Amino acid sequence: FTQVYLGFKSAGINDERRLYAYATLQMLLGGGGSFSAG
């Protein structure tokens, strides 16, 4: 398999307002492996 990583600059640990927005965005996108027991 070919591994691909696409990243961008985001909020630091002390930027509380943006930090929680990015944490929610991570949950929103989510993802995982092609197989999951659900």
PDB file of all heavy atoms in Angstrom:
ATOM      1  N   PHE A   1       0.837  -1.204   0.000  1.00  0.00           N
ATOM      2  CA  PHE A   1       0.000   0.000   0.000  1.00  0.00           C
ATOM      3  C   PHE A   1       0.869   1.250   0.000  1.00  0.00           C
ATOM      4  O   PHE A   1       1.976   1.252   0.541  1.00  0.00           O
ATOM      5  CB  PHE A   1      -0.923   0.036   1.229  1.00  0.00           C
ATOM      6  CG  PHE A   1      -1.898  -1.101   1.291  1.00  0.00           C
ATOM      7  CD1 PHE A   1      -1.645  -2.203   2.089  1.00  0.00           C
ATOM      8  CD2 PHE A   1      -3.062  -1.082   0.523  1.00  0.00           C
ATOM      9  CE1 PHE A   1      -2.541  -3.262   2.145  1.00  0.00           C
ATOM     10  CE2 PHE A   1      -3.951  -2.132   0.570  1.00  0.00           C
ATOM     11  CZ  PHE A   1      -3.693  -3.222   1.379  1.00  0.00           C
ATOM     12  N   THR A   2       0.339   2.298  -0.606  1.00  0.00           N
ATOM     13  CA  THR A   2       0.986   3.606  -0.572  1.00  0.00           C
ATOM     14  C   THR A   2       0.369   4.432   0.548  1.00  0.00           C
ATOM     15  O   THR A   2      -0.856   4.537   0.636  1.00  0.00           O
ATOM     16  CB  THR A   2       0.803   4.341  -1.917  1.00  0.00           C
ATOM     17  OG1 THR A   2       1.441   3.590  -2.956  1.00  0.00           O
ATOM     18  CG2 THR A   2       1.424   5.732  -1.856  1.00  0.00           C
ATOM     19  N   GLN A   3       1.216   5.000   1.405  1.00  0.00           N
ATOM     20  CA  GLN A   3       0.768   5.827   2.522  1.00  0.00           C
ATOM     21  C   GLN A   3       0.862   7.297   2.110  1.00  0.00           C
ATOM     22  O   GLN A   3       1.891   7.729   1.592  1.00  0.00           O
ATOM     23  CB  GLN A   3       1.644   5.591   3.757  1.00  0.00           C
ATOM     24  CG  GLN A   3       1.853   4.136   4.121  1.00  0.00           C
ATOM     25  CD  GLN A   3       0.628   3.510   4.747  1.00  0.00           C
ATOM     26  OE1 GLN A   3      -0.200   4.210   5.332  1.00  0.00           O
ATOM     27  NE2 GLN A   3       0.511   2.199   4.649  1.00  0.00           N
ATOM     28  N   VAL A   4      -0.208   8.045   2.368  1.00  0.00           N
ATOM     29  CA  VAL A   4      -0.236   9.473   2.031  1.00  0.00           C
ATOM     30  C   VAL A   4      -0.693  10.263   3.255  1.00  0.00           C
ATOM     31  O   VAL A   4      -1.675   9.902   3.906  1.00  0.00           O
ATOM     32  CB  VAL A   4      -1.181   9.763   0.847  1.00  0.00           C
ATOM     33  CG1 VAL A   4      -1.209  11.259   0.532  1.00  0.00           C
ATOM     34  CG2 VAL A   4      -0.750   8.977  -0.392  1.00  0.00           C
ATOM     35  N   TYR A   5       0.029  11.341   3.554  1.00  0.00           N
ATOM     36  CA  TYR A   5      -0.325  12.235   4.658  1.00  0.00           C
ATOM     37  C   TYR A   5      -0.471  13.652   4.108  1.00  0.00           C
ATOM     38  O   TYR A   5       0.443  14.150   3.437  1.00  0.00           O
ATOM     39  CB  TYR A   5       0.749  12.226   5.743  1.00  0.00           C
ATOM     40  CG  TYR A   5       0.890  10.899   6.455  1.00  0.00           C
ATOM     41  CD1 TYR A   5       1.630   9.862   5.882  1.00  0.00           C
ATOM     42  CD2 TYR A   5       0.281  10.673   7.681  1.00  0.00           C
ATOM     43  CE1 TYR A   5       1.761   8.635   6.526  1.00  0.00           C
ATOM     44  CE2 TYR A   5       0.399   9.452   8.329  1.00  0.00           C
ATOM     45  CZ  TYR A   5       1.147   8.442   7.749  1.00  0.00           C
ATOM     46  OH  TYR A   5       1.261   7.230   8.382  1.00  0.00           O
ATOM     47  N   LEU A   6      -1.590  14.279   4.402  1.00  0.00           N
ATOM     48  CA  LEU A   6      -1.844  15.662   3.998  1.00  0.00           C
ATOM     49  C   LEU A   6      -2.142  16.459   5.258  1.00  0.00           C
ATOM     50  O   LEU A   6      -3.142  16.218   5.936  1.00  0.00           O
ATOM     51  CB  LEU A   6      -3.027  15.727   3.028  1.00  0.00           C
ATOM     52  CG  LEU A   6      -3.459  17.135   2.575  1.00  0.00           C
ATOM     53  CD1 LEU A   6      -2.334  17.792   1.773  1.00  0.00           C
ATOM     54  CD2 LEU A   6      -4.735  17.057   1.734  1.00  0.00           C
ATOM     55  N   GLY A   7      -1.256  17.398   5.594  1.00  0.00           N
ATOM     56  CA  GLY A   7      -1.409  18.148   6.839  1.00  0.00           C
ATOM     57  C   GLY A   7      -1.349  19.641   6.627  1.00  0.00           C
ATOM     58  O   GLY A   7      -0.826  20.132   5.615  1.00  0.00           O
ATOM     59  N   PHE A   8      -1.871  20.385   7.625  1.00  0.00           N
ATOM     60  CA  PHE A   8      -1.892  21.838   7.583  1.00  0.00           C
ATOM     61  C   PHE A   8      -1.640  22.384   8.987  1.00  0.00           C
ATOM     62  O   PHE A   8      -1.878  21.704   9.990  1.00  0.00           O
ATOM     63  CB  PHE A   8      -3.248  22.363   7.093  1.00  0.00           C
ATOM     64  CG  PHE A   8      -3.676  21.846   5.760  1.00  0.00           C
ATOM     65  CD1 PHE A   8      -4.381  20.654   5.655  1.00  0.00           C
ATOM     66  CD2 PHE A   8      -3.381  22.548   4.597  1.00  0.00           C
ATOM     67  CE1 PHE A   8      -4.786  20.176   4.417  1.00  0.00           C
ATOM     68  CE2 PHE A   8      -3.782  22.077   3.355  1.00  0.00           C
ATOM     69  CZ  PHE A   8      -4.489  20.891   3.267  1.00  0.00           C
ATOM     70  N   LYS A   9      -1.216  23.626   9.059  1.00  0.00           N
ATOM     71  CA  LYS A   9      -1.043  24.285  10.343  1.00  0.00           C
ATOM     72  C   LYS A   9      -2.407  24.510  10.990  1.00  0.00           C
ATOM     73  O   LYS A   9      -3.357  24.925  10.330  1.00  0.00           O
ATOM     74  CB  LYS A   9      -0.330  25.626  10.158  1.00  0.00           C
ATOM     75  CG  LYS A   9      -0.103  26.376  11.458  1.00  0.00           C
ATOM     76  CD  LYS A   9       0.567  27.719  11.204  1.00  0.00           C
ATOM     77  CE  LYS A   9       0.759  28.486  12.505  1.00  0.00           C
ATOM     78  NZ  LYS A   9       1.395  29.815  12.274  1.00  0.00           N
ATOM     79  N   SER A  10      -2.496  24.244  12.306  1.00  0.00           N
ATOM     80  CA  SER A  10      -3.751  24.429  13.025  1.00  0.00           C
ATOM     81  C   SER A  10      -3.470  25.126  14.353  1.00  0.00           C
ATOM     82  O   SER A  10      -2.419  25.739  14.535  1.00  0.00           O
ATOM     83  CB  SER A  10      -4.459  23.089  13.247  1.00  0.00           C
ATOM     84  OG  SER A  10      -3.699  22.258  14.098  1.00  0.00           O
ATOM     85  N   ALA A  11      -4.402  25.020  15.292  1.00  0.00           N
ATOM     86  CA  ALA A  11      -4.310  25.746  16.551  1.00  0.00           C
ATOM     87  C   ALA A  11      -3.400  25.039  17.544  1.00  0.00           C
ATOM     88  O   ALA A  11      -3.344  23.809  17.600  1.00  0.00           O
ATOM     89  CB  ALA A  11      -5.701  25.909  17.163  1.00  0.00           C
ATOM     90  N   GLY A  12      -2.698  25.823  18.348  1.00  0.00           N
ATOM     91  CA  GLY A  12      -1.881  25.291  19.425  1.00  0.00           C
ATOM     92  C   GLY A  12      -2.718  24.998  20.659  1.00  0.00           C
ATOM     93  O   GLY A  12      -3.903  25.322  20.729  1.00  0.00           O
ATOM     94  N   ILE A  13      -2.081  24.428  21.655  1.00  0.00           N
ATOM     95  CA  ILE A  13      -2.781  23.973  22.842  1.00  0.00           C
ATOM     96  C   ILE A  13      -3.373  25.125  23.644  1.00  0.00           C
ATOM     97  O   ILE A  13      -4.363  24.957  24.370  1.00  0.00           O
ATOM     98  CB  ILE A  13      -1.819  23.138  23.737  1.00  0.00           C
ATOM     99  CG1 ILE A  13      -2.600  22.346  24.785  1.00  0.00           C
ATOM    100  CG2 ILE A  13      -0.789  24.033  24.391  1.00  0.00           C
ATOM    101  CD1 ILE A  13      -3.325  21.171  24.243  1.00  0.00           C
ATOM    102  N   ASN A  14      -2.812  26.325  23.507  1.00  0.00           N
ATOM    103  CA  ASN A  14      -3.284  27.457  24.296  1.00  0.00           C
ATOM    104  C   ASN A  14      -4.361  28.278  23.592  1.00  0.00           C
ATOM    105  O   ASN A  14      -4.913  29.200  24.185  1.00  0.00           O
ATOM    106  CB  ASN A  14      -2.102  28.371  24.655  1.00  0.00           C
ATOM    107  CG  ASN A  14      -1.098  27.682  25.564  1.00  0.00           C
ATOM    108  OD1 ASN A  14      -1.482  26.974  26.493  1.00  0.00           O
ATOM    109  ND2 ASN A  14       0.190  27.869  25.287  1.00  0.00           N
ATOM    110  N   ASP A  15      -4.647  27.971  22.350  1.00  0.00           N
ATOM    111  CA  ASP A  15      -5.701  28.671  21.608  1.00  0.00           C
ATOM    112  C   ASP A  15      -7.003  27.909  21.828  1.00  0.00           C
ATOM    113  O   ASP A  15      -7.444  27.130  20.974  1.00  0.00           O
ATOM    114  CB  ASP A  15      -5.343  28.738  20.127  1.00  0.00           C
ATOM    115  CG  ASP A  15      -6.256  29.676  19.344  1.00  0.00           C
ATOM    116  OD1 ASP A  15      -7.341  30.028  19.869  1.00  0.00           O
ATOM    117  OD2 ASP A  15      -5.897  30.054  18.213  1.00  0.00           O
ATOM    118  N   GLU A  16      -7.653  28.142  22.983  1.00  0.00           N
ATOM    119  CA  GLU A  16      -8.754  27.288  23.412  1.00  0.00           C
ATOM    120  C   GLU A  16      -9.948  27.333  22.456  1.00  0.00           C
ATOM    121  O   GLU A  16     -10.549  26.298  22.166  1.00  0.00           O
ATOM    122  CB  GLU A  16      -9.189  27.677  24.829  1.00  0.00           C
ATOM    123  CG  GLU A  16      -8.130  27.389  25.881  1.00  0.00           C
ATOM    124  CD  GLU A  16      -8.591  27.757  27.269  1.00  0.00           C
ATOM    125  OE1 GLU A  16      -9.661  28.383  27.384  1.00  0.00           O
ATOM    126  OE2 GLU A  16      -7.890  27.415  28.240  1.00  0.00           O
ATOM    127  N   ARG A  17     -10.286  28.509  21.961  1.00  0.00           N
ATOM    128  CA  ARG A  17     -11.468  28.608  21.099  1.00  0.00           C
ATOM    129  C   ARG A  17     -11.296  27.781  19.839  1.00  0.00           C
ATOM    130  O   ARG A  17     -12.164  26.975  19.488  1.00  0.00           O
ATOM    131  CB  ARG A  17     -11.725  30.076  20.736  1.00  0.00           C
ATOM    132  CG  ARG A  17     -12.968  30.284  19.862  1.00  0.00           C
ATOM    133  CD  ARG A  17     -13.091  31.727  19.421  1.00  0.00           C
ATOM    134  NE  ARG A  17     -11.970  32.148  18.602  1.00  0.00           N
ATOM    135  CZ  ARG A  17     -11.864  31.893  17.291  1.00  0.00           C
ATOM    136  NH1 ARG A  17     -12.821  31.198  16.668  1.00  0.00           N
ATOM    137  NH2 ARG A  17     -10.827  32.326  16.596  1.00  0.00           N
ATOM    138  N   ARG A  18     -10.169  27.942  19.151  1.00  0.00           N
ATOM    139  CA  ARG A  18      -9.939  27.203  17.913  1.00  0.00           C
ATOM    140  C   ARG A  18      -9.614  25.739  18.191  1.00  0.00           C
ATOM    141  O   ARG A  18      -9.918  24.867  17.366  1.00  0.00           O
ATOM    142  CB  ARG A  18      -8.811  27.868  17.122  1.00  0.00           C
ATOM    143  CG  ARG A  18      -9.157  29.267  16.636  1.00  0.00           C
ATOM    144  CD  ARG A  18      -7.936  30.001  16.107  1.00  0.00           C
ATOM    145  NE  ARG A  18      -7.370  29.323  14.954  1.00  0.00           N
ATOM    146  CZ  ARG A  18      -6.061  29.106  14.799  1.00  0.00           C
ATOM    147  NH1 ARG A  18      -5.205  29.453  15.733  1.00  0.00           N
ATOM    148  NH2 ARG A  18      -5.614  28.516  13.712  1.00  0.00           N
ATOM    149  N   LEU A  19      -9.009  25.474  19.347  1.00  0.00           N
ATOM    150  CA  LEU A  19      -8.624  24.102  19.682  1.00  0.00           C
ATOM    151  C   LEU A  19      -9.845  23.180  19.722  1.00  0.00           C
ATOM    152  O   LEU A  19      -9.820  22.073  19.171  1.00  0.00           O
ATOM    153  CB  LEU A  19      -7.904  24.073  21.028  1.00  0.00           C
ATOM    154  CG  LEU A  19      -7.440  22.707  21.524  1.00  0.00           C
ATOM    155  CD1 LEU A  19      -6.392  22.124  20.590  1.00  0.00           C
ATOM    156  CD2 LEU A  19      -6.887  22.819  22.937  1.00  0.00           C
ATOM    157  N   TYR A  20     -10.921  23.635  20.345  1.00  0.00           N
ATOM    158  CA  TYR A  20     -12.121  22.808  20.444  1.00  0.00           C
ATOM    159  C   TYR A  20     -12.819  22.675  19.087  1.00  0.00           C
ATOM    160  O   TYR A  20     -13.445  21.648  18.811  1.00  0.00           O
ATOM    161  CB  TYR A  20     -13.075  23.382  21.491  1.00  0.00           C
ATOM    162  CG  TYR A  20     -12.616  23.124  22.900  1.00  0.00           C
ATOM    163  CD1 TYR A  20     -11.824  24.055  23.577  1.00  0.00           C
ATOM    164  CD2 TYR A  20     -12.923  21.936  23.564  1.00  0.00           C
ATOM    165  CE1 TYR A  20     -11.372  23.816  24.869  1.00  0.00           C
ATOM    166  CE2 TYR A  20     -12.479  21.689  24.849  1.00  0.00           C
ATOM    167  CZ  TYR A  20     -11.694  22.636  25.496  1.00  0.00           C
ATOM    168  OH  TYR A  20     -11.249  22.392  26.776  1.00  0.00           O
ATOM    169  N   ALA A  21     -12.701  23.695  18.252  1.00  0.00           N
ATOM    170  CA  ALA A  21     -13.273  23.594  16.908  1.00  0.00           C
ATOM    171  C   ALA A  21     -12.538  22.532  16.093  1.00  0.00           C
ATOM    172  O   ALA A  21     -13.154  21.725  15.385  1.00  0.00           O
ATOM    173  CB  ALA A  21     -13.199  24.947  16.203  1.00  0.00           C
ATOM    174  N   TYR A  22     -11.214  22.491  16.210  1.00  0.00           N
ATOM    175  CA  TYR A  22     -10.438  21.489  15.477  1.00  0.00           C
ATOM    176  C   TYR A  22     -10.661  20.081  16.040  1.00  0.00           C
ATOM    177  O   TYR A  22     -10.681  19.112  15.284  1.00  0.00           O
ATOM    178  CB  TYR A  22      -8.949  21.844  15.510  1.00  0.00           C
ATOM    179  CG  TYR A  22      -8.567  22.887  14.497  1.00  0.00           C
ATOM    180  CD1 TYR A  22      -8.123  24.148  14.887  1.00  0.00           C
ATOM    181  CD2 TYR A  22      -8.664  22.626  13.135  1.00  0.00           C
ATOM    182  CE1 TYR A  22      -7.781  25.108  13.953  1.00  0.00           C
ATOM    183  CE2 TYR A  22      -8.324  23.581  12.189  1.00  0.00           C
ATOM    184  CZ  TYR A  22      -7.883  24.827  12.607  1.00  0.00           C
ATOM    185  OH  TYR A  22      -7.553  25.785  11.677  1.00  0.00           O
ATOM    186  N   ALA A  23     -10.839  19.988  17.353  1.00  0.00           N
ATOM    187  CA  ALA A  23     -11.116  18.679  17.942  1.00  0.00           C
ATOM    188  C   ALA A  23     -12.453  18.143  17.432  1.00  0.00           C
ATOM    189  O   ALA A  23     -12.587  16.947  17.130  1.00  0.00           O
ATOM    190  CB  ALA A  23     -11.137  18.787  19.465  1.00  0.00           C
ATOM    191  N   THR A  24     -13.447  19.027  17.304  1.00  0.00           N
ATOM    192  CA  THR A  24     -14.750  18.614  16.780  1.00  0.00           C
ATOM    193  C   THR A  24     -14.650  18.276  15.296  1.00  0.00           C
ATOM    194  O   THR A  24     -15.271  17.318  14.825  1.00  0.00           O
ATOM    195  CB  THR A  24     -15.795  19.720  17.003  1.00  0.00           C
ATOM    196  OG1 THR A  24     -15.792  20.122  18.379  1.00  0.00           O
ATOM    197  CG2 THR A  24     -17.183  19.234  16.621  1.00  0.00           C
ATOM    198  N   LEU A  25     -13.845  19.049  14.563  1.00  0.00           N
ATOM    199  CA  LEU A  25     -13.643  18.765  13.140  1.00  0.00           C
ATOM    200  C   LEU A  25     -13.007  17.391  12.954  1.00  0.00           C
ATOM    201  O   LEU A  25     -13.373  16.649  12.038  1.00  0.00           O
ATOM    202  CB  LEU A  25     -12.765  19.847  12.512  1.00  0.00           C
ATOM    203  CG  LEU A  25     -12.352  19.641  11.051  1.00  0.00           C
ATOM    204  CD1 LEU A  25     -13.579  19.541  10.141  1.00  0.00           C
ATOM    205  CD2 LEU A  25     -11.429  20.768  10.593  1.00  0.00           C
ATOM    206  N   GLN A  26     -12.070  17.038  13.823  1.00  0.00           N
ATOM    207  CA  GLN A  26     -11.451  15.715  13.737  1.00  0.00           C
ATOM    208  C   GLN A  26     -12.493  14.614  13.932  1.00  0.00           C
ATOM    209  O   GLN A  26     -12.487  13.605  13.225  1.00  0.00           O
ATOM    210  CB  GLN A  26     -10.347  15.582  14.781  1.00  0.00           C
ATOM    211  CG  GLN A  26      -9.616  14.241  14.708  1.00  0.00           C
ATOM    212  CD  GLN A  26      -8.641  14.051  15.849  1.00  0.00           C
ATOM    213  OE1 GLN A  26      -8.603  14.837  16.796  1.00  0.00           O
ATOM    214  NE2 GLN A  26      -7.836  12.996  15.761  1.00  0.00           N
ATOM    215  N   MET A  27     -13.406  14.786  14.894  1.00  0.00           N
ATOM    216  CA  MET A  27     -14.467  13.806  15.114  1.00  0.00           C
ATOM    217  C   MET A  27     -15.427  13.766  13.934  1.00  0.00           C
ATOM    218  O   MET A  27     -15.918  12.707  13.546  1.00  0.00           O
ATOM    219  CB  MET A  27     -15.234  14.139  16.392  1.00  0.00           C
ATOM    220  CG  MET A  27     -14.479  13.942  17.682  1.00  0.00           C
ATOM    221  SD  MET A  27     -14.126  12.200  18.043  1.00  0.00           S
ATOM    222  CE  MET A  27     -12.377  12.149  17.657  1.00  0.00           C
ATOM    223  N   LEU A  28     -15.695  14.941  13.365  1.00  0.00           N
ATOM    224  CA  LEU A  28     -16.620  15.035  12.230  1.00  0.00           C
ATOM    225  C   LEU A  28     -16.090  14.245  11.037  1.00  0.00           C
ATOM    226  O   LEU A  28     -16.831  13.487  10.391  1.00  0.00           O
ATOM    227  CB  LEU A  28     -16.828  16.495  11.849  1.00  0.00           C
ATOM    228  CG  LEU A  28     -17.741  16.771  10.652  1.00  0.00           C
ATOM    229  CD1 LEU A  28     -19.202  16.559  11.022  1.00  0.00           C
ATOM    230  CD2 LEU A  28     -17.540  18.200  10.144  1.00  0.00           C
ATOM    231  N   LEU A  29     -14.800  14.418  10.734  1.00  0.00           N
ATOM    232  CA  LEU A  29     -14.195  13.686   9.619  1.00  0.00           C
ATOM    233  C   LEU A  29     -14.009  12.216   9.992  1.00  0.00           C
ATOM    234  O   LEU A  29     -14.309  11.327   9.201  1.00  0.00           O
ATOM    235  CB  LEU A  29     -12.858  14.318   9.241  1.00  0.00           C
ATOM    236  CG  LEU A  29     -12.925  15.720   8.627  1.00  0.00           C
ATOM    237  CD1 LEU A  29     -11.519  16.279   8.433  1.00  0.00           C
ATOM    238  CD2 LEU A  29     -13.682  15.703   7.306  1.00  0.00           C
ATOM    239  N   GLY A  30     -13.485  11.976  11.209  1.00  0.00           N
ATOM    240  CA  GLY A  30     -13.374  10.609  11.714  1.00  0.00           C
ATOM    241  C   GLY A  30     -12.514   9.729  10.833  1.00  0.00           C
ATOM    242  O   GLY A  30     -11.379  10.035  10.523  1.00  0.00           O
ATOM    243  N   GLY A  31     -13.101   8.595  10.416  1.00  0.00           N
ATOM    244  CA  GLY A  31     -12.390   7.661   9.559  1.00  0.00           C
ATOM    245  C   GLY A  31     -11.815   6.484  10.320  1.00  0.00           C
ATOM    246  O   GLY A  31     -12.045   6.303  11.512  1.00  0.00           O
ATOM    247  N   GLY A  32     -11.066   5.669   9.595  1.00  0.00           N
ATOM    248  CA  GLY A  32     -10.479   4.465  10.168  1.00  0.00           C
ATOM    249  C   GLY A  32     -10.000   3.551   9.061  1.00  0.00           C
ATOM    250  O   GLY A  32      -9.582   3.996   7.995  1.00  0.00           O
ATOM    251  N   GLY A  33     -10.105   2.234   9.291  1.00  0.00           N
ATOM    252  CA  GLY A  33      -9.682   1.250   8.307  1.00  0.00           C
ATOM    253  C   GLY A  33     -10.828   0.813   7.422  1.00  0.00           C
ATOM    254  O   GLY A  33     -12.000   1.098   7.695  1.00  0.00           O
ATOM    255  N   SER A  34     -10.490   0.128   6.334  1.00  0.00           N
ATOM    256  CA  SER A  34     -11.520  -0.307   5.392  1.00  0.00           C
ATOM    257  C   SER A  34     -12.425  -1.374   5.985  1.00  0.00           C
ATOM    258  O   SER A  34     -13.545  -1.578   5.537  1.00  0.00           O
ATOM    259  CB  SER A  34     -10.877  -0.845   4.112  1.00  0.00           C
ATOM    260  OG  SER A  34     -10.033  -1.954   4.403  1.00  0.00           O
ATOM    261  N   PHE A  35     -11.932  -2.061   7.035  1.00  0.00           N
ATOM    262  CA  PHE A  35     -12.762  -3.051   7.714  1.00  0.00           C
ATOM    263  C   PHE A  35     -12.903  -2.682   9.179  1.00  0.00           C
ATOM    264  O   PHE A  35     -11.937  -2.311   9.834  1.00  0.00           O
ATOM    265  CB  PHE A  35     -12.160  -4.455   7.631  1.00  0.00           C
ATOM    266  CG  PHE A  35     -12.905  -5.466   8.477  1.00  0.00           C
ATOM    267  CD1 PHE A  35     -14.091  -6.021   8.031  1.00  0.00           C
ATOM    268  CD2 PHE A  35     -12.432  -5.812   9.730  1.00  0.00           C
ATOM    269  CE1 PHE A  35     -14.787  -6.924   8.817  1.00  0.00           C
ATOM    270  CE2 PHE A  35     -13.119  -6.729  10.526  1.00  0.00           C
ATOM    271  CZ  PHE A  35     -14.306  -7.284  10.058  1.00  0.00           C
ATOM    272  N   SER A  36     -14.121  -2.758   9.692  1.00  0.00           N
ATOM    273  CA  SER A  36     -14.356  -2.519  11.107  1.00  0.00           C
ATOM    274  C   SER A  36     -15.515  -3.387  11.545  1.00  0.00           C
ATOM    275  O   SER A  36     -16.478  -3.587  10.803  1.00  0.00           O
ATOM    276  CB  SER A  36     -14.670  -1.047  11.379  1.00  0.00           C
ATOM    277  OG  SER A  36     -15.023  -0.862  12.730  1.00  0.00           O
ATOM    278  N   ALA A  37     -15.421  -3.890  12.775  1.00  0.00           N
ATOM    279  CA  ALA A  37     -16.508  -4.707  13.315  1.00  0.00           C
ATOM    280  C   ALA A  37     -17.723  -3.862  13.678  1.00  0.00           C
ATOM    281  O   ALA A  37     -18.773  -4.389  14.025  1.00  0.00           O
ATOM    282  CB  ALA A  37     -16.025  -5.470  14.548  1.00  0.00           C
ATOM    283  N   GLY A  38     -17.566  -2.520  13.590  1.00  0.00           N
ATOM    284  CA  GLY A  38     -18.696  -1.643  13.894  1.00  0.00           C
ATOM    285  C   GLY A  38     -18.966  -1.566  15.386  1.00  0.00           C
ATOM    286  O   GLY A  38     -18.083  -1.762  16.202  1.00  0.00           O
TER     287      GLY A  38
END
